[in-house]
């Protein structure tokens, strides 16, 4: 505990940011040597003002509160000098000095793939994230994401559904859940994987925390899959950081009419690997698929819904069993979101008749409602 207390004194110091912390550690080694150094030696590294501050009284109340949190089952703190600190993250640029972990520390060393994307995801994007996560987790890959709404939450749920491992890298203290509606998922992740943060306990969800969080997501993984993203999405930051760290970047293409596909399309133009199935990722990573049956991997394709896990042949038979009018309308819809007026022109049906058919198709899982009153074939 005394050694951890020294690390906490350094990282909880309000004037010592990550760059200063790493400079001090590089110059002096372990934290106890920093706080026993003289003012002149410290000033040569971080300047006179910060040197004076560092030699002042520590924030003992916060240190004690953190040490008390550390005594509770399932909580851990990993330092840069800890043998359990994930090797993949050590090899990435700018590794955090401390990692607060809630859950299984060992899962941080497992081979992992990140699945990230938009918070305001489409129903299809959520289904894709869940489906890809299920297959990838079933092969033994750990699914990493950021516990946000939309794609992140779907990726965690998919991994949990097949009893796979998943890691949530968060932008708050490890004792907080943000957003609050993901509390149930967070508890399940702590039981079946790990929640990770570099931020002190109690840290709120400041906007600048999340780009820093993204570099940990990228650093822990062999690759990053972007499911849906706008051109200004934080997911593109994660992809860029992954690329800079030498990780693979994958992206799922979407409709040219969807704003949430444009970020993925940009990544693909810049060299990200276009993927349509989870198998595309497994092959690129040369990851063994013995844990997943051939049926499990081939059935998860872009646009598939996990509520309908039948292989393609069975899905075709299901479509053939539809009423002729329903099957014809599905063909006329195409695969891009379409409004009711356009469907009326294409089909020659009245709006009232279309709504009746679309309701039946929606209840059967063949159609979903998209933004703007449009409909999309699944």
Protein backbone atom coordinates (compact mmCIF):
# COMPACT_ATOMS: atom_id res chain seq x y z
CA UNK A 1 0.00 0.00 0.00
CA UNK A 2 2.89 2.39 0.72
CA UNK A 3 4.21 2.00 -2.81
CA UNK A 4 0.75 2.63 -4.30
CA UNK A 5 0.40 5.68 -2.04
CA UNK A 6 3.47 7.20 -3.68
CA UNK A 7 2.02 6.68 -7.15
CA UNK A 8 -1.26 8.21 -6.01
CA UNK A 9 0.54 11.22 -4.54
CA UNK A 10 2.14 11.83 -7.92
CA UNK A 11 -0.91 11.29 -10.13
CA UNK A 12 -3.35 13.12 -7.83
CA UNK A 13 -1.16 16.23 -7.68
CA UNK A 14 -3.20 18.97 -9.37
CA UNK A 15 -0.23 20.60 -11.09
CA UNK A 16 1.46 17.47 -12.44
CA UNK A 17 -0.15 16.42 -15.70
CA UNK A 18 0.67 13.22 -17.58
CA UNK A 19 3.69 14.72 -19.38
CA UNK A 20 5.20 16.00 -16.13
CA UNK A 21 4.52 12.69 -14.41
CA UNK A 22 6.34 10.73 -17.10
CA UNK A 23 9.25 13.20 -17.12
CA UNK A 24 9.65 12.81 -13.37
CA UNK A 25 9.45 9.03 -13.53
CA UNK A 26 12.01 8.95 -16.35
CA UNK A 27 14.38 11.14 -14.33
CA UNK A 28 14.00 9.62 -10.87
CA UNK A 29 12.45 6.19 -11.27
CA UNK A 30 9.86 5.22 -8.67
CA UNK A 31 7.69 7.91 -7.02
CA UNK A 32 9.36 7.61 -3.62
CA UNK A 33 12.59 8.88 -5.20
CA UNK A 34 10.72 11.86 -6.64
CA UNK A 35 9.46 12.97 -3.25
CA UNK A 36 12.84 12.49 -1.55
CA UNK A 37 14.71 14.47 -4.22
CA UNK A 38 15.81 18.03 -3.47
CA UNK A 39 14.16 21.09 -4.95
CA UNK A 40 17.00 21.83 -7.32
CA UNK A 41 16.91 18.34 -8.88
CA UNK A 42 13.15 18.49 -9.32
CA UNK A 43 13.30 21.99 -10.77
CA UNK A 44 15.66 20.85 -13.51
CA UNK A 45 12.94 18.46 -14.71
CA UNK A 46 9.66 20.32 -14.17
CA UNK A 47 10.54 23.88 -13.23
CA UNK A 48 10.84 25.66 -9.87
CA UNK A 49 7.14 26.30 -9.31
CA UNK A 50 5.99 22.69 -9.76
CA UNK A 51 9.04 21.45 -7.83
CA UNK A 52 7.99 23.53 -4.82
CA UNK A 53 4.43 22.29 -5.10
CA UNK A 54 5.48 18.66 -5.31
CA UNK A 55 7.44 18.95 -2.08
CA UNK A 56 4.39 20.33 -0.27
CA UNK A 57 1.89 18.29 1.73
CA UNK A 58 0.09 15.58 -0.27
CA UNK A 59 -3.69 15.37 -0.61
CA UNK A 60 -3.86 12.71 2.08
CA UNK A 61 -7.67 12.55 2.20
CA UNK A 62 -7.93 11.57 -1.48
CA UNK A 63 -5.05 9.13 -1.15
CA UNK A 64 -6.69 7.45 1.86
CA UNK A 65 -10.07 7.27 0.11
CA UNK A 66 -8.47 5.63 -2.92
CA UNK A 67 -6.57 3.13 -0.77
CA UNK A 68 -9.85 2.25 0.96
CA UNK A 69 -11.48 1.67 -2.47
CA UNK A 70 -8.54 -0.57 -3.33
CA UNK A 71 -9.28 -2.88 -0.38
CA UNK A 72 -12.71 -3.78 -1.78
CA UNK A 73 -13.03 -7.04 -3.76
CA UNK A 74 -12.61 -6.66 -7.52
CA UNK A 75 -10.78 -3.32 -7.39
CA UNK A 76 -7.18 -2.87 -8.47
CA UNK A 77 -4.67 -0.21 -9.47
CA UNK A 78 -1.93 -1.00 -11.98
CA UNK A 79 1.14 1.23 -12.25
CA UNK A 80 3.60 1.53 -15.10
CA UNK A 81 5.99 -0.51 -12.99
CA UNK A 82 3.50 -3.29 -12.24
CA UNK A 83 4.15 -6.66 -13.96
CA UNK A 84 0.38 -6.96 -14.53
CA UNK A 85 0.24 -3.70 -16.52
CA UNK A 86 -0.96 -4.69 -20.02
CA UNK A 87 1.99 -5.11 -22.36
CA UNK A 88 0.01 -3.94 -25.40
CA UNK A 89 -0.65 -0.61 -23.72
CA UNK A 90 3.00 -0.22 -22.72
CA UNK A 91 3.92 -0.46 -26.40
CA UNK A 92 1.43 2.25 -27.36
CA UNK A 93 2.27 5.97 -27.32
CA UNK A 94 1.53 7.87 -24.10
CA UNK A 95 0.58 4.96 -21.79
CA UNK A 96 -1.28 6.03 -18.62
CA UNK A 97 0.81 6.18 -15.46
CA UNK A 98 -1.98 4.50 -13.48
CA UNK A 99 -4.90 2.28 -14.46
CA UNK A 100 -7.86 1.92 -12.11
CA UNK A 101 -9.47 -1.48 -12.75
CA UNK A 102 -12.79 -2.85 -11.59
CA UNK A 103 -13.07 -6.53 -12.46
CA UNK A 104 -10.59 -9.10 -13.73
CA UNK A 105 -7.11 -7.63 -14.22
CA UNK A 106 -6.00 -10.70 -16.20
CA UNK A 107 -8.42 -9.89 -19.05
CA UNK A 108 -6.27 -6.84 -19.92
CA UNK A 109 -3.60 -9.20 -21.27
CA UNK A 110 -5.99 -11.10 -23.54
CA UNK A 111 -6.03 -10.59 -27.30
CA UNK A 112 -8.62 -7.91 -27.95
CA UNK A 113 -10.49 -6.03 -30.64
CA UNK A 114 -12.26 -2.70 -30.13
CA UNK A 115 -15.74 -2.06 -31.50
CA UNK A 116 -16.68 1.62 -31.51
CA UNK A 117 -19.14 3.93 -33.20
CA UNK A 118 -21.88 6.50 -32.89
CA UNK A 119 -23.85 7.14 -29.73
CA UNK A 120 -26.94 8.01 -31.76
CA UNK A 121 -26.67 4.81 -33.78
CA UNK A 122 -29.31 3.48 -36.15
CA UNK A 123 -31.14 0.25 -35.24
CA UNK A 124 -29.13 -1.46 -37.98
CA UNK A 125 -25.85 -0.18 -36.57
CA UNK A 126 -26.75 -1.43 -33.10
CA UNK A 127 -27.67 -4.84 -34.54
CA UNK A 128 -24.38 -5.00 -36.47
CA UNK A 129 -22.29 -4.11 -33.40
CA UNK A 130 -24.06 -6.74 -31.31
CA UNK A 131 -23.74 -9.39 -34.00
CA UNK A 132 -20.05 -8.78 -34.72
CA UNK A 133 -19.27 -8.73 -30.98
CA UNK A 134 -21.00 -12.08 -30.46
CA UNK A 135 -18.96 -13.80 -33.14
CA UNK A 136 -15.64 -12.19 -32.21
CA UNK A 137 -16.11 -12.87 -28.49
CA UNK A 138 -17.09 -16.48 -29.20
CA UNK A 139 -13.67 -17.03 -30.82
CA UNK A 140 -11.89 -15.87 -27.66
CA UNK A 141 -11.19 -12.27 -28.60
CA UNK A 142 -11.93 -9.75 -25.87
CA UNK A 143 -14.27 -7.00 -27.05
CA UNK A 144 -13.20 -3.51 -25.96
CA UNK A 145 -15.37 -0.41 -26.11
CA UNK A 146 -16.19 2.76 -24.23
CA UNK A 147 -19.50 2.08 -22.42
CA UNK A 148 -21.22 4.89 -24.32
CA UNK A 149 -24.77 4.65 -25.63
CA UNK A 150 -25.38 3.21 -29.09
CA UNK A 151 -22.61 1.15 -30.69
CA UNK A 152 -20.46 0.84 -27.55
CA UNK A 153 -23.27 -0.54 -25.40
CA UNK A 154 -24.33 -2.94 -28.17
CA UNK A 155 -20.78 -4.28 -28.50
CA UNK A 156 -20.55 -4.94 -24.76
CA UNK A 157 -23.98 -6.61 -24.74
CA UNK A 158 -23.04 -8.85 -27.65
CA UNK A 159 -19.90 -10.10 -25.92
CA UNK A 160 -21.72 -10.62 -22.63
CA UNK A 161 -24.50 -12.56 -24.37
CA UNK A 162 -22.09 -15.33 -25.43
CA UNK A 163 -20.24 -15.32 -22.09
CA UNK A 164 -17.26 -13.66 -23.75
CA UNK A 165 -14.83 -11.20 -22.23
CA UNK A 166 -15.32 -7.47 -22.61
CA UNK A 167 -13.51 -4.37 -21.37
CA UNK A 168 -15.08 -0.94 -20.91
CA UNK A 169 -12.60 1.94 -20.99
CA UNK A 170 -14.36 4.90 -19.41
CA UNK A 171 -13.90 8.66 -19.25
CA UNK A 172 -14.81 9.03 -15.56
CA UNK A 173 -13.48 7.63 -12.33
CA UNK A 174 -13.79 3.86 -12.01
CA UNK A 175 -16.29 4.35 -9.18
CA UNK A 176 -18.78 6.11 -11.48
CA UNK A 177 -21.00 4.90 -14.32
CA UNK A 178 -21.61 7.22 -17.24
CA UNK A 179 -24.12 7.32 -18.77
CA UNK A 180 -26.22 6.19 -15.81
CA UNK A 181 -28.58 4.15 -17.99
CA UNK A 182 -25.68 1.74 -18.70
CA UNK A 183 -25.35 0.87 -15.01
CA UNK A 184 -26.65 -2.67 -15.48
CA UNK A 185 -24.23 -3.29 -18.36
CA UNK A 186 -21.37 -1.87 -16.28
CA UNK A 187 -22.06 -4.28 -13.41
CA UNK A 188 -22.12 -7.21 -15.85
CA UNK A 189 -18.83 -6.08 -17.41
CA UNK A 190 -17.17 -5.91 -13.99
CA UNK A 191 -18.30 -9.50 -13.39
CA UNK A 192 -17.33 -10.86 -16.82
CA UNK A 193 -14.42 -8.63 -17.80
CA UNK A 194 -13.09 -5.30 -16.58
CA UNK A 195 -13.85 -1.59 -16.35
CA UNK A 196 -10.73 0.53 -16.82
CA UNK A 197 -9.97 4.21 -16.26
CA UNK A 198 -6.88 6.38 -15.93
CA UNK A 199 -8.87 9.10 -14.13
CA UNK A 200 -8.98 9.44 -10.33
CA UNK A 201 -11.95 8.18 -8.38
CA UNK A 202 -14.88 10.56 -8.53
CA UNK A 203 -13.71 12.18 -11.78
CA UNK A 204 -16.75 13.49 -13.71
CA UNK A 205 -17.34 13.00 -17.47
CA UNK A 206 -15.46 16.05 -18.74
CA UNK A 207 -15.46 16.34 -22.54
CA UNK A 208 -11.65 16.32 -22.74
CA UNK A 209 -11.51 12.97 -20.92
CA UNK A 210 -12.97 11.02 -23.83
CA UNK A 211 -10.26 11.61 -26.46
CA UNK A 212 -7.75 10.48 -23.83
CA UNK A 213 -9.94 7.47 -23.09
CA UNK A 214 -9.90 6.61 -26.80
CA UNK A 215 -6.12 6.16 -26.91
CA UNK A 216 -6.41 3.45 -24.22
CA UNK A 217 -9.08 1.66 -26.25
CA UNK A 218 -6.78 1.72 -29.28
CA UNK A 219 -3.70 0.73 -27.29
CA UNK A 220 -5.24 -2.35 -25.67
CA UNK A 221 -6.31 -3.92 -28.96
CA UNK A 222 -5.00 -5.66 -32.04
CA UNK A 223 -7.42 -3.66 -34.11
CA UNK A 224 -10.42 -1.32 -34.08
CA UNK A 225 -13.74 -1.88 -35.86
CA UNK A 226 -15.78 1.26 -36.56
CA UNK A 227 -19.42 0.31 -37.08
CA UNK A 228 -21.10 3.69 -37.65
CA UNK A 229 -19.56 7.15 -37.38
CA UNK A 230 -20.18 10.67 -38.58
CA UNK A 231 -17.23 12.55 -40.07
CA UNK A 232 -16.61 14.41 -36.78
CA UNK A 233 -17.06 11.35 -34.57
CA UNK A 234 -14.74 10.51 -31.69
CA UNK A 235 -14.60 7.02 -33.16
CA UNK A 236 -12.43 8.40 -35.95
CA UNK A 237 -10.02 9.64 -33.28
CA UNK A 238 -9.84 6.10 -31.91
CA UNK A 239 -9.21 4.77 -35.44
CA UNK A 240 -6.46 7.33 -36.07
CA UNK A 241 -4.77 6.51 -32.75
CA UNK A 242 -5.00 2.80 -33.54
CA UNK A 243 -3.40 3.35 -36.93
CA UNK A 244 -0.60 5.43 -35.39
CA UNK A 245 0.02 2.65 -32.86
CA UNK A 246 0.33 0.08 -35.64
CA UNK A 247 -3.06 -1.54 -35.05
CA UNK A 248 -5.46 -2.68 -37.75
CA UNK A 249 -8.44 -0.47 -38.59
CA UNK A 250 -11.68 -1.96 -39.93
CA UNK A 251 -14.88 -0.21 -41.02
CA UNK A 252 -18.35 -1.36 -42.01
CA UNK A 253 -19.70 0.46 -45.08
CA UNK A 254 -23.21 1.88 -45.14
CA UNK A 255 -25.67 3.73 -47.27
CA UNK A 256 -24.32 6.72 -49.18
CA UNK A 257 -27.36 8.61 -47.88
CA UNK A 258 -26.60 8.01 -44.20
CA UNK A 259 -24.59 10.64 -42.27
CA UNK A 260 -23.48 7.87 -39.92
CA UNK A 261 -21.81 6.02 -42.80
CA UNK A 262 -19.65 8.91 -43.90
CA UNK A 263 -17.05 8.47 -41.19
CA UNK A 264 -16.66 4.79 -42.11
CA UNK A 265 -16.42 5.65 -45.79
CA UNK A 266 -13.71 8.20 -45.05
CA UNK A 267 -11.74 5.60 -43.11
CA UNK A 268 -12.06 3.14 -45.99
CA UNK A 269 -10.84 5.75 -48.47
CA UNK A 270 -7.87 6.39 -46.19
CA UNK A 271 -6.92 2.72 -46.06
CA UNK A 272 -9.10 1.06 -43.43
CA UNK A 273 -10.19 -2.45 -44.33
CA UNK A 274 -13.79 -2.75 -45.48
CA UNK A 275 -15.51 -5.61 -43.68
CA UNK A 276 -18.84 -7.27 -44.32
CA UNK A 277 -18.53 -10.22 -41.95
CA UNK A 278 -16.77 -11.00 -38.69
CA UNK A 279 -14.79 -13.58 -40.65
CA UNK A 280 -13.14 -10.74 -42.57
CA UNK A 281 -11.65 -9.49 -39.30
CA UNK A 282 -10.65 -12.92 -38.04
CA UNK A 283 -8.85 -13.69 -41.29
CA UNK A 284 -7.01 -10.36 -41.29
CA UNK A 285 -5.89 -10.87 -37.69
CA UNK A 286 -5.05 -14.52 -38.43
CA UNK A 287 -7.03 -15.38 -35.32
CA UNK A 288 -8.06 -19.02 -34.80
CA UNK A 289 -11.78 -19.69 -35.17
CA UNK A 290 -11.98 -22.99 -33.34
CA UNK A 291 -14.28 -21.54 -30.69
CA UNK A 292 -16.87 -20.48 -33.24
CA UNK A 293 -18.81 -22.84 -35.45
CA UNK A 294 -18.80 -22.16 -39.22
CA UNK A 295 -22.51 -21.42 -38.99
CA UNK A 296 -21.94 -18.82 -36.30
CA UNK A 297 -19.36 -16.88 -38.28
CA UNK A 298 -20.95 -17.02 -41.70
CA UNK A 299 -24.38 -15.90 -40.61
CA UNK A 300 -23.29 -12.55 -39.15
CA UNK A 301 -23.17 -10.17 -42.08
CA UNK A 302 -23.62 -6.47 -42.45
CA UNK A 303 -27.33 -5.89 -42.12
CA UNK A 304 -28.01 -9.09 -40.14
CA UNK A 305 -30.05 -8.90 -36.95
CA UNK A 306 -29.17 -11.09 -34.01
CA UNK A 307 -32.84 -11.63 -33.30
CA UNK A 308 -32.93 -13.66 -36.56
CA UNK A 309 -29.82 -15.86 -36.33
CA UNK A 310 -30.75 -18.16 -39.20
CA UNK A 311 -28.12 -18.83 -41.87
CA UNK A 312 -28.61 -17.12 -45.25
CA UNK A 313 -30.42 -20.06 -46.82
CA UNK A 314 -32.95 -20.14 -44.00
CA UNK A 315 -33.43 -16.38 -44.24
CA UNK A 316 -34.16 -16.81 -47.96
CA UNK A 317 -36.77 -19.44 -47.20
CA UNK A 318 -38.29 -17.10 -44.63
CA UNK A 319 -38.57 -14.35 -47.23
CA UNK A 320 -40.17 -16.74 -49.70
CA UNK A 321 -42.80 -17.57 -47.08
CA UNK A 322 -43.95 -13.95 -46.96
CA UNK A 323 -47.12 -12.88 -48.66
CA UNK A 324 -46.43 -11.97 -52.28
CA UNK A 325 -47.34 -8.34 -51.61
CA UNK A 326 -44.90 -8.12 -48.70
CA UNK A 327 -42.07 -9.78 -50.62
CA UNK A 328 -42.64 -7.48 -53.58
CA UNK A 329 -42.52 -4.41 -51.34
CA UNK A 330 -39.25 -5.53 -49.79
CA UNK A 331 -37.73 -5.80 -53.26
CA UNK A 332 -38.97 -2.32 -54.13
CA UNK A 333 -37.59 -0.81 -50.93
CA UNK A 334 -33.98 -1.62 -51.79
CA UNK A 335 -31.45 -1.37 -48.96
CA UNK A 336 -31.37 2.38 -48.32
CA UNK A 337 -33.82 4.21 -46.04
CA UNK A 338 -36.88 5.28 -48.03
CA UNK A 339 -39.86 7.50 -47.21
CA UNK A 340 -43.49 6.47 -47.55
CA UNK A 341 -44.20 8.74 -50.54
CA UNK A 342 -41.36 7.24 -52.54
CA UNK A 343 -42.62 3.76 -51.69
CA UNK A 344 -46.09 4.73 -52.88
CA UNK A 345 -44.67 5.83 -56.24
CA UNK A 346 -42.59 2.67 -56.61
CA UNK A 347 -45.29 0.23 -55.59
CA UNK A 348 -48.43 1.93 -56.84
CA UNK A 349 -50.08 1.26 -53.48
CA UNK A 350 -51.90 3.79 -51.33
CA UNK A 351 -50.21 5.18 -48.24
CA UNK A 352 -52.79 3.41 -46.03
CA UNK A 353 -52.09 0.06 -47.68
CA UNK A 354 -48.33 0.61 -47.36
CA UNK A 355 -48.52 1.33 -43.64
CA UNK A 356 -50.47 -1.90 -43.09
CA UNK A 357 -47.87 -3.96 -44.96
CA UNK A 358 -44.93 -2.16 -43.35
CA UNK A 359 -46.34 -2.76 -39.87
CA UNK A 360 -46.50 -6.50 -40.53
CA UNK A 361 -42.95 -6.48 -41.91
CA UNK A 362 -41.69 -4.48 -38.93
CA UNK A 363 -43.27 -6.88 -36.44
CA UNK A 364 -41.63 -9.79 -38.27
CA UNK A 365 -38.22 -8.12 -38.13
CA UNK A 366 -37.85 -7.48 -41.87
CA UNK A 367 -38.13 -3.69 -41.70
CA UNK A 368 -37.16 -0.99 -39.20
CA UNK A 369 -38.16 2.62 -38.87
CA UNK A 370 -35.31 5.01 -39.61
CA UNK A 371 -34.96 8.71 -38.81
CA UNK A 372 -37.25 11.18 -40.55
CA UNK A 373 -40.20 8.82 -40.87
CA UNK A 374 -38.33 6.58 -43.32
CA UNK A 375 -38.21 2.79 -43.46
CA UNK A 376 -35.26 0.49 -44.03
CA UNK A 377 -35.08 -3.12 -45.07
CA UNK A 378 -33.07 -5.37 -42.71
